[in-house]
């Protein structure tokens, strides 16, 4: 059974927190994960459909890290759109896109995961990395992702989970509860942000519980791929209409 720590932070306001820490967000991701976040994002490449000219939606895109990693590692994606509620994060993402001369390929816009601003059956692939645990209504967000995917479209969600091995779980939780918030606070200048982020990881319904949520949203062929002893997990699901 998943261990649960109550989350006191209002998830509906989390975008305001991300606005505050946007400037240091990428740096802290690399530092606090020992650059594992880069490897995890690149793992998604191997789970993309065996197709080309893909139209991709990245939900809770932040600074567009996931989209950029996918485009750097594969030529399968022809066009990509990223949505996020944090305009501060999107501003940094747009600069990264412009620096790579990808303005004609990637578009970023403000958008809510629970009310995705696109028509149904539009995208070949939807990705979401380290964002689903910050959504106040996860089932609704999953239904929205299902809605905007084409038939046989692929959903790929990368999210933190808790390691299943006892020898790792205890030191990992100590790091997450005691070290990460202090380092994150010192570098970002936001005393509450990284305490909130660690609480959302412990609160998130990972593993088989999340697999079931994807199935209840309508997805089929749901699989989970643990990464780095289960510290993170990639969930892959397909929209298949009868």
C-alpha atoms as a PDB file:
ATOM      1  CA  UNK A   1       0.000   0.000   0.000  1.00  0.00           C
ATOM      2  CA  UNK A   2       1.240   3.503  -0.817  1.00  0.00           C
ATOM      3  CA  UNK A   3       2.383   5.653   2.075  1.00  0.00           C
ATOM      4  CA  UNK A   4       0.453   8.908   2.148  1.00  0.00           C
ATOM      5  CA  UNK A   5       1.499  12.266   3.530  1.00  0.00           C
ATOM      6  CA  UNK A   6      -1.277  14.907   3.642  1.00  0.00           C
ATOM      7  CA  UNK A   7      -0.738  17.792   1.241  1.00  0.00           C
ATOM      8  CA  UNK A   8      -1.687  21.133   2.753  1.00  0.00           C
ATOM      9  CA  UNK A   9      -0.781  23.228  -0.295  1.00  0.00           C
ATOM     10  CA  UNK A  10      -3.680  24.145  -2.569  1.00  0.00           C
ATOM     11  CA  UNK A  11      -2.903  22.474  -5.896  1.00  0.00           C
ATOM     12  CA  UNK A  12      -5.151  24.943  -7.712  1.00  0.00           C
ATOM     13  CA  UNK A  13      -2.601  27.642  -6.858  1.00  0.00           C
ATOM     14  CA  UNK A  14       0.494  25.599  -7.701  1.00  0.00           C
ATOM     15  CA  UNK A  15       1.075  27.555 -10.919  1.00  0.00           C
ATOM     16  CA  UNK A  16       1.782  30.636  -8.796  1.00  0.00           C
ATOM     17  CA  UNK A  17       4.531  28.743  -7.011  1.00  0.00           C
ATOM     18  CA  UNK A  18       6.001  27.632 -10.340  1.00  0.00           C
ATOM     19  CA  UNK A  19       5.988  31.258 -11.495  1.00  0.00           C
ATOM     20  CA  UNK A  20       8.149  32.091  -8.477  1.00  0.00           C
ATOM     21  CA  UNK A  21      10.692  29.309  -8.999  1.00  0.00           C
ATOM     22  CA  UNK A  22      10.756  29.299 -12.820  1.00  0.00           C
ATOM     23  CA  UNK A  23      14.171  30.961 -13.025  1.00  0.00           C
ATOM     24  CA  UNK A  24      15.878  28.154 -11.077  1.00  0.00           C
ATOM     25  CA  UNK A  25      13.575  25.267 -11.998  1.00  0.00           C
ATOM     26  CA  UNK A  26      15.768  23.532 -14.615  1.00  0.00           C
ATOM     27  CA  UNK A  27      18.922  23.962 -12.523  1.00  0.00           C
ATOM     28  CA  UNK A  28      17.270  22.468  -9.464  1.00  0.00           C
ATOM     29  CA  UNK A  29      15.878  19.536 -11.429  1.00  0.00           C
ATOM     30  CA  UNK A  30      19.374  18.641 -12.608  1.00  0.00           C
ATOM     31  CA  UNK A  31      20.971  19.184  -9.206  1.00  0.00           C
ATOM     32  CA  UNK A  32      18.406  17.503  -6.970  1.00  0.00           C
ATOM     33  CA  UNK A  33      17.983  14.455  -9.222  1.00  0.00           C
ATOM     34  CA  UNK A  34      21.725  14.165  -9.956  1.00  0.00           C
ATOM     35  CA  UNK A  35      20.755  14.644 -13.619  1.00  0.00           C
ATOM     36  CA  UNK A  36      18.586  11.537 -13.558  1.00  0.00           C
ATOM     37  CA  UNK A  37      15.677  13.682 -14.762  1.00  0.00           C
ATOM     38  CA  UNK A  38      17.432  14.086 -18.126  1.00  0.00           C
ATOM     39  CA  UNK A  39      17.833  10.321 -18.517  1.00  0.00           C
ATOM     40  CA  UNK A  40      14.221   9.707 -17.481  1.00  0.00           C
ATOM     41  CA  UNK A  41      12.879  12.200 -20.023  1.00  0.00           C
ATOM     42  CA  UNK A  42      14.958  10.606 -22.771  1.00  0.00           C
ATOM     43  CA  UNK A  43      13.488   7.194 -21.911  1.00  0.00           C
ATOM     44  CA  UNK A  44      10.187   8.424 -23.309  1.00  0.00           C
ATOM     45  CA  UNK A  45      11.714   8.434 -26.788  1.00  0.00           C
ATOM     46  CA  UNK A  46      11.793   4.631 -26.825  1.00  0.00           C
ATOM     47  CA  UNK A  47       8.080   4.477 -26.044  1.00  0.00           C
ATOM     48  CA  UNK A  48       6.881   6.719 -28.857  1.00  0.00           C
ATOM     49  CA  UNK A  49       4.740   5.059 -31.547  1.00  0.00           C
ATOM     50  CA  UNK A  50       6.501   3.532 -34.539  1.00  0.00           C
ATOM     51  CA  UNK A  51       5.315   6.360 -36.748  1.00  0.00           C
ATOM     52  CA  UNK A  52       6.671   9.609 -38.138  1.00  0.00           C
ATOM     53  CA  UNK A  53       5.165  13.081 -38.538  1.00  0.00           C
ATOM     54  CA  UNK A  54       3.681  12.881 -35.054  1.00  0.00           C
ATOM     55  CA  UNK A  55       1.625  15.744 -33.680  1.00  0.00           C
ATOM     56  CA  UNK A  56       2.509  15.936 -29.982  1.00  0.00           C
ATOM     57  CA  UNK A  57       0.846  17.590 -27.014  1.00  0.00           C
ATOM     58  CA  UNK A  58       2.912  18.087 -23.850  1.00  0.00           C
ATOM     59  CA  UNK A  59       0.663  18.793 -20.858  1.00  0.00           C
ATOM     60  CA  UNK A  60       2.068  20.762 -17.903  1.00  0.00           C
ATOM     61  CA  UNK A  61       5.036  21.459 -20.154  1.00  0.00           C
ATOM     62  CA  UNK A  62       6.788  23.875 -17.769  1.00  0.00           C
ATOM     63  CA  UNK A  63       9.960  25.088 -19.478  1.00  0.00           C
ATOM     64  CA  UNK A  64       9.393  22.667 -22.403  1.00  0.00           C
ATOM     65  CA  UNK A  65      12.120  20.275 -21.251  1.00  0.00           C
ATOM     66  CA  UNK A  66      10.226  17.165 -22.291  1.00  0.00           C
ATOM     67  CA  UNK A  67       9.417  18.405 -25.784  1.00  0.00           C
ATOM     68  CA  UNK A  68      13.008  19.517 -26.359  1.00  0.00           C
ATOM     69  CA  UNK A  69      14.440  16.188 -25.214  1.00  0.00           C
ATOM     70  CA  UNK A  70      12.102  14.325 -27.548  1.00  0.00           C
ATOM     71  CA  UNK A  71      13.033  16.481 -30.534  1.00  0.00           C
ATOM     72  CA  UNK A  72      16.742  16.132 -29.765  1.00  0.00           C
ATOM     73  CA  UNK A  73      16.537  12.329 -29.563  1.00  0.00           C
ATOM     74  CA  UNK A  74      14.188  11.491 -32.434  1.00  0.00           C
ATOM     75  CA  UNK A  75      12.884  12.768 -35.772  1.00  0.00           C
ATOM     76  CA  UNK A  76       9.425  11.259 -35.252  1.00  0.00           C
ATOM     77  CA  UNK A  77       7.810  14.477 -34.010  1.00  0.00           C
ATOM     78  CA  UNK A  78       6.840  16.921 -36.754  1.00  0.00           C
ATOM     79  CA  UNK A  79       4.962  19.447 -34.634  1.00  0.00           C
ATOM     80  CA  UNK A  80       4.504  19.961 -30.886  1.00  0.00           C
ATOM     81  CA  UNK A  81       2.367  22.065 -28.573  1.00  0.00           C
ATOM     82  CA  UNK A  82       3.003  22.549 -24.864  1.00  0.00           C
ATOM     83  CA  UNK A  83       0.465  23.868 -22.373  1.00  0.00           C
ATOM     84  CA  UNK A  84       0.938  25.028 -18.800  1.00  0.00           C
ATOM     85  CA  UNK A  85      -0.787  27.335 -16.333  1.00  0.00           C
ATOM     86  CA  UNK A  86       2.485  28.994 -15.315  1.00  0.00           C
ATOM     87  CA  UNK A  87       3.299  31.873 -17.651  1.00  0.00           C
ATOM     88  CA  UNK A  88       6.622  32.245 -15.849  1.00  0.00           C
ATOM     89  CA  UNK A  89       7.666  28.709 -16.784  1.00  0.00           C
ATOM     90  CA  UNK A  90       6.435  29.147 -20.356  1.00  0.00           C
ATOM     91  CA  UNK A  91       8.522  32.318 -20.743  1.00  0.00           C
ATOM     92  CA  UNK A  92      11.702  30.364 -20.008  1.00  0.00           C
ATOM     93  CA  UNK A  93      10.523  27.566 -22.292  1.00  0.00           C
ATOM     94  CA  UNK A  94       9.979  29.978 -25.189  1.00  0.00           C
ATOM     95  CA  UNK A  95      13.498  31.338 -24.789  1.00  0.00           C
ATOM     96  CA  UNK A  96      14.939  27.807 -24.940  1.00  0.00           C
ATOM     97  CA  UNK A  97      12.895  27.097 -28.071  1.00  0.00           C
ATOM     98  CA  UNK A  98      14.034  30.300 -29.772  1.00  0.00           C
ATOM     99  CA  UNK A  99      17.678  29.596 -28.863  1.00  0.00           C
ATOM    100  CA  UNK A 100      17.357  26.245 -30.684  1.00  0.00           C
ATOM    101  CA  UNK A 101      15.586  27.789 -33.709  1.00  0.00           C
ATOM    102  CA  UNK A 102      12.505  25.647 -33.104  1.00  0.00           C
ATOM    103  CA  UNK A 103       9.838  28.362 -33.077  1.00  0.00           C
ATOM    104  CA  UNK A 104       8.315  26.904 -36.243  1.00  0.00           C
ATOM    105  CA  UNK A 105       8.035  23.452 -34.691  1.00  0.00           C
ATOM    106  CA  UNK A 106       7.038  24.061 -31.053  1.00  0.00           C
ATOM    107  CA  UNK A 107       4.293  26.306 -29.723  1.00  0.00           C
ATOM    108  CA  UNK A 108       3.733  27.027 -26.032  1.00  0.00           C
ATOM    109  CA  UNK A 109       0.504  28.442 -24.640  1.00  0.00           C
ATOM    110  CA  UNK A 110      -1.309  28.830 -21.345  1.00  0.00           C
ATOM    111  CA  UNK A 111      -3.618  25.896 -20.773  1.00  0.00           C
ATOM    112  CA  UNK A 112      -5.177  23.805 -18.013  1.00  0.00           C
ATOM    113  CA  UNK A 113      -4.723  20.026 -17.898  1.00  0.00           C
ATOM    114  CA  UNK A 114      -8.313  19.656 -16.715  1.00  0.00           C
ATOM    115  CA  UNK A 115      -9.668  21.780 -19.587  1.00  0.00           C
ATOM    116  CA  UNK A 116      -7.285  21.197 -22.481  1.00  0.00           C
ATOM    117  CA  UNK A 117      -7.910  23.973 -25.048  1.00  0.00           C
ATOM    118  CA  UNK A 118      -7.980  21.750 -28.141  1.00  0.00           C
ATOM    119  CA  UNK A 119     -10.618  19.833 -30.029  1.00  0.00           C
ATOM    120  CA  UNK A 120     -11.155  16.099 -29.640  1.00  0.00           C
ATOM    121  CA  UNK A 121      -9.145  13.536 -31.630  1.00  0.00           C
ATOM    122  CA  UNK A 122      -6.384  15.988 -32.552  1.00  0.00           C
ATOM    123  CA  UNK A 123      -3.037  14.601 -31.331  1.00  0.00           C
ATOM    124  CA  UNK A 124      -1.041  11.450 -32.064  1.00  0.00           C
ATOM    125  CA  UNK A 125       0.812  11.554 -28.735  1.00  0.00           C
ATOM    126  CA  UNK A 126       0.285  13.255 -25.392  1.00  0.00           C
ATOM    127  CA  UNK A 127       3.101  13.459 -22.864  1.00  0.00           C
ATOM    128  CA  UNK A 128       3.148  14.740 -19.302  1.00  0.00           C
ATOM    129  CA  UNK A 129       6.295  14.735 -17.196  1.00  0.00           C
ATOM    130  CA  UNK A 130       6.303  15.487 -13.470  1.00  0.00           C
ATOM    131  CA  UNK A 131       3.007  17.332 -13.754  1.00  0.00           C
ATOM    132  CA  UNK A 132       0.124  14.969 -13.086  1.00  0.00           C
ATOM    133  CA  UNK A 133       0.725  14.918  -9.336  1.00  0.00           C
ATOM    134  CA  UNK A 134       0.178  18.706  -9.238  1.00  0.00           C
ATOM    135  CA  UNK A 135      -3.247  18.517 -10.886  1.00  0.00           C
ATOM    136  CA  UNK A 136      -6.149  18.998  -8.437  1.00  0.00           C
ATOM    137  CA  UNK A 137      -8.457  16.622 -10.374  1.00  0.00           C
ATOM    138  CA  UNK A 138      -6.360  13.789 -11.810  1.00  0.00           C
ATOM    139  CA  UNK A 139      -9.232  11.696 -13.252  1.00  0.00           C
ATOM    140  CA  UNK A 140     -10.552  14.726 -15.119  1.00  0.00           C
ATOM    141  CA  UNK A 141      -7.104  15.493 -16.554  1.00  0.00           C
ATOM    142  CA  UNK A 142      -6.729  11.909 -17.751  1.00  0.00           C
ATOM    143  CA  UNK A 143     -10.136  12.039 -19.416  1.00  0.00           C
ATOM    144  CA  UNK A 144      -9.122  15.269 -21.150  1.00  0.00           C
ATOM    145  CA  UNK A 145      -5.911  13.704 -22.443  1.00  0.00           C
ATOM    146  CA  UNK A 146      -7.961  10.742 -23.693  1.00  0.00           C
ATOM    147  CA  UNK A 147     -10.372  13.121 -25.435  1.00  0.00           C
ATOM    148  CA  UNK A 148      -7.763  15.078 -27.409  1.00  0.00           C
ATOM    149  CA  UNK A 149      -5.888  11.992 -28.614  1.00  0.00           C
ATOM    150  CA  UNK A 150      -6.703  10.407 -31.948  1.00  0.00           C
ATOM    151  CA  UNK A 151      -7.855   6.804 -32.075  1.00  0.00           C
ATOM    152  CA  UNK A 152      -4.792   4.611 -31.401  1.00  0.00           C
ATOM    153  CA  UNK A 153      -3.084   7.678 -29.910  1.00  0.00           C
ATOM    154  CA  UNK A 154      -0.450   7.189 -27.216  1.00  0.00           C
ATOM    155  CA  UNK A 155      -0.338   8.704 -23.741  1.00  0.00           C
ATOM    156  CA  UNK A 156       3.032   8.790 -21.948  1.00  0.00           C
ATOM    157  CA  UNK A 157       3.177  10.016 -18.360  1.00  0.00           C
ATOM    158  CA  UNK A 158       6.444  10.280 -16.437  1.00  0.00           C
ATOM    159  CA  UNK A 159       6.071  10.810 -12.716  1.00  0.00           C
ATOM    160  CA  UNK A 160       7.866  10.263  -9.438  1.00  0.00           C
ATOM    161  CA  UNK A 161       7.030   7.157  -7.448  1.00  0.00           C
ATOM    162  CA  UNK A 162       8.385   5.547  -4.298  1.00  0.00           C
ATOM    163  CA  UNK A 163      11.091   2.860  -4.531  1.00  0.00           C
ATOM    164  CA  UNK A 164       9.834  -0.599  -3.613  1.00  0.00           C
ATOM    165  CA  UNK A 165      13.117  -1.803  -2.108  1.00  0.00           C
ATOM    166  CA  UNK A 166      13.337  -1.294   1.655  1.00  0.00           C
ATOM    167  CA  UNK A 167      17.095  -0.638   1.578  1.00  0.00           C
ATOM    168  CA  UNK A 168      16.503   2.336  -0.728  1.00  0.00           C
ATOM    169  CA  UNK A 169      13.120   3.597   0.418  1.00  0.00           C
ATOM    170  CA  UNK A 170      14.201   4.745   3.876  1.00  0.00           C
ATOM    171  CA  UNK A 171      17.218   6.853   2.789  1.00  0.00           C
ATOM    172  CA  UNK A 172      15.256   8.119  -0.215  1.00  0.00           C
ATOM    173  CA  UNK A 173      12.434   9.384   1.992  1.00  0.00           C
ATOM    174  CA  UNK A 174      14.952  10.968   4.362  1.00  0.00           C
ATOM    175  CA  UNK A 175      16.517  12.814   1.427  1.00  0.00           C
ATOM    176  CA  UNK A 176      13.137  13.843   0.068  1.00  0.00           C
ATOM    177  CA  UNK A 177      11.777  15.052   3.412  1.00  0.00           C
ATOM    178  CA  UNK A 178      14.881  16.678   4.866  1.00  0.00           C
ATOM    179  CA  UNK A 179      17.582  17.440   2.307  1.00  0.00           C
ATOM    180  CA  UNK A 180      15.653  18.300  -0.860  1.00  0.00           C
ATOM    181  CA  UNK A 181      13.405  20.989   0.715  1.00  0.00           C
ATOM    182  CA  UNK A 182      16.373  22.764   2.296  1.00  0.00           C
ATOM    183  CA  UNK A 183      18.540  22.743  -0.823  1.00  0.00           C
ATOM    184  CA  UNK A 184      15.592  23.676  -3.029  1.00  0.00           C
ATOM    185  CA  UNK A 185      14.652  26.517  -0.720  1.00  0.00           C
ATOM    186  CA  UNK A 186      18.198  27.881  -0.577  1.00  0.00           C
ATOM    187  CA  UNK A 187      18.667  27.932  -4.340  1.00  0.00           C
ATOM    188  CA  UNK A 188      15.157  28.911  -5.443  1.00  0.00           C
ATOM    189  CA  UNK A 189      14.572  31.421  -2.667  1.00  0.00           C
ATOM    190  CA  UNK A 190      11.123  29.927  -2.045  1.00  0.00           C
ATOM    191  CA  UNK A 191      10.830  28.327   1.384  1.00  0.00           C
ATOM    192  CA  UNK A 192       7.634  26.398   0.673  1.00  0.00           C
ATOM    193  CA  UNK A 193       8.026  25.227  -2.924  1.00  0.00           C
ATOM    194  CA  UNK A 194      10.210  22.194  -2.466  1.00  0.00           C
ATOM    195  CA  UNK A 195       8.444  21.090   0.689  1.00  0.00           C
ATOM    196  CA  UNK A 196       5.253  21.081  -1.364  1.00  0.00           C
ATOM    197  CA  UNK A 197       6.894  19.148  -4.196  1.00  0.00           C
ATOM    198  CA  UNK A 198       8.140  16.428  -1.887  1.00  0.00           C
ATOM    199  CA  UNK A 199       4.697  16.112  -0.264  1.00  0.00           C
ATOM    200  CA  UNK A 200       3.004  15.686  -3.634  1.00  0.00           C
ATOM    201  CA  UNK A 201       5.338  12.810  -4.488  1.00  0.00           C
ATOM    202  CA  UNK A 202       4.396  10.910  -1.333  1.00  0.00           C
ATOM    203  CA  UNK A 203       0.728  11.671  -1.862  1.00  0.00           C
ATOM    204  CA  UNK A 204       0.591  10.583  -5.509  1.00  0.00           C
ATOM    205  CA  UNK A 205      -1.228   7.283  -6.280  1.00  0.00           C
ATOM    206  CA  UNK A 206       1.598   5.623  -8.190  1.00  0.00           C
ATOM    207  CA  UNK A 207       1.984   2.091  -9.542  1.00  0.00           C
ATOM    208  CA  UNK A 208      -1.042  -0.149  -9.982  1.00  0.00           C
ATOM    209  CA  UNK A 209      -3.307   2.496  -8.462  1.00  0.00           C
ATOM    210  CA  UNK A 210      -2.418   4.938 -11.216  1.00  0.00           C
ATOM    211  CA  UNK A 211      -2.657   2.220 -13.869  1.00  0.00           C
ATOM    212  CA  UNK A 212      -6.247   1.667 -12.773  1.00  0.00           C
ATOM    213  CA  UNK A 213      -6.953   5.405 -13.010  1.00  0.00           C
ATOM    214  CA  UNK A 214      -5.745   5.414 -16.612  1.00  0.00           C
ATOM    215  CA  UNK A 215      -7.965   2.449 -17.396  1.00  0.00           C
ATOM    216  CA  UNK A 216     -10.954   4.147 -15.794  1.00  0.00           C
ATOM    217  CA  UNK A 217     -10.301   7.197 -18.014  1.00  0.00           C
ATOM    218  CA  UNK A 218     -10.793   4.935 -21.033  1.00  0.00           C
ATOM    219  CA  UNK A 219      -7.233   3.898 -21.879  1.00  0.00           C
ATOM    220  CA  UNK A 220      -6.203   0.365 -22.765  1.00  0.00           C
ATOM    221  CA  UNK A 221      -2.891  -1.511 -23.001  1.00  0.00           C
ATOM    222  CA  UNK A 222      -1.631   0.348 -19.938  1.00  0.00           C
ATOM    223  CA  UNK A 223       1.922  -0.476 -18.870  1.00  0.00           C
ATOM    224  CA  UNK A 224       4.313   0.915 -16.287  1.00  0.00           C
ATOM    225  CA  UNK A 225       8.097   1.089 -16.538  1.00  0.00           C
ATOM    226  CA  UNK A 226       9.931   1.759 -13.236  1.00  0.00           C
ATOM    227  CA  UNK A 227      13.114   3.828 -13.536  1.00  0.00           C
ATOM    228  CA  UNK A 228      16.117   3.944 -11.187  1.00  0.00           C
ATOM    229  CA  UNK A 229      14.792   1.324  -8.740  1.00  0.00           C
ATOM    230  CA  UNK A 230      11.297   2.791  -8.882  1.00  0.00           C
ATOM    231  CA  UNK A 231      12.137   6.413  -8.014  1.00  0.00           C
ATOM    232  CA  UNK A 232      10.237   7.393 -11.161  1.00  0.00           C
ATOM    233  CA  UNK A 233       7.837   5.545 -13.452  1.00  0.00           C
ATOM    234  CA  UNK A 234       6.721   5.932 -17.058  1.00  0.00           C
ATOM    235  CA  UNK A 235       3.114   4.968 -17.742  1.00  0.00           C
ATOM    236  CA  UNK A 236       2.162   4.167 -21.324  1.00  0.00           C
ATOM    237  CA  UNK A 237      -1.468   3.904 -22.422  1.00  0.00           C
ATOM    238  CA  UNK A 238      -3.374   3.740 -25.691  1.00  0.00           C
ATOM    239  CA  UNK A 239      -6.669   5.259 -26.777  1.00  0.00           C
ATOM    240  CA  UNK A 240      -8.438   2.486 -28.653  1.00  0.00           C
ATOM    241  CA  UNK A 241     -12.014   3.027 -29.762  1.00  0.00           C
ATOM    242  CA  UNK A 242     -14.168   0.002 -30.567  1.00  0.00           C
END
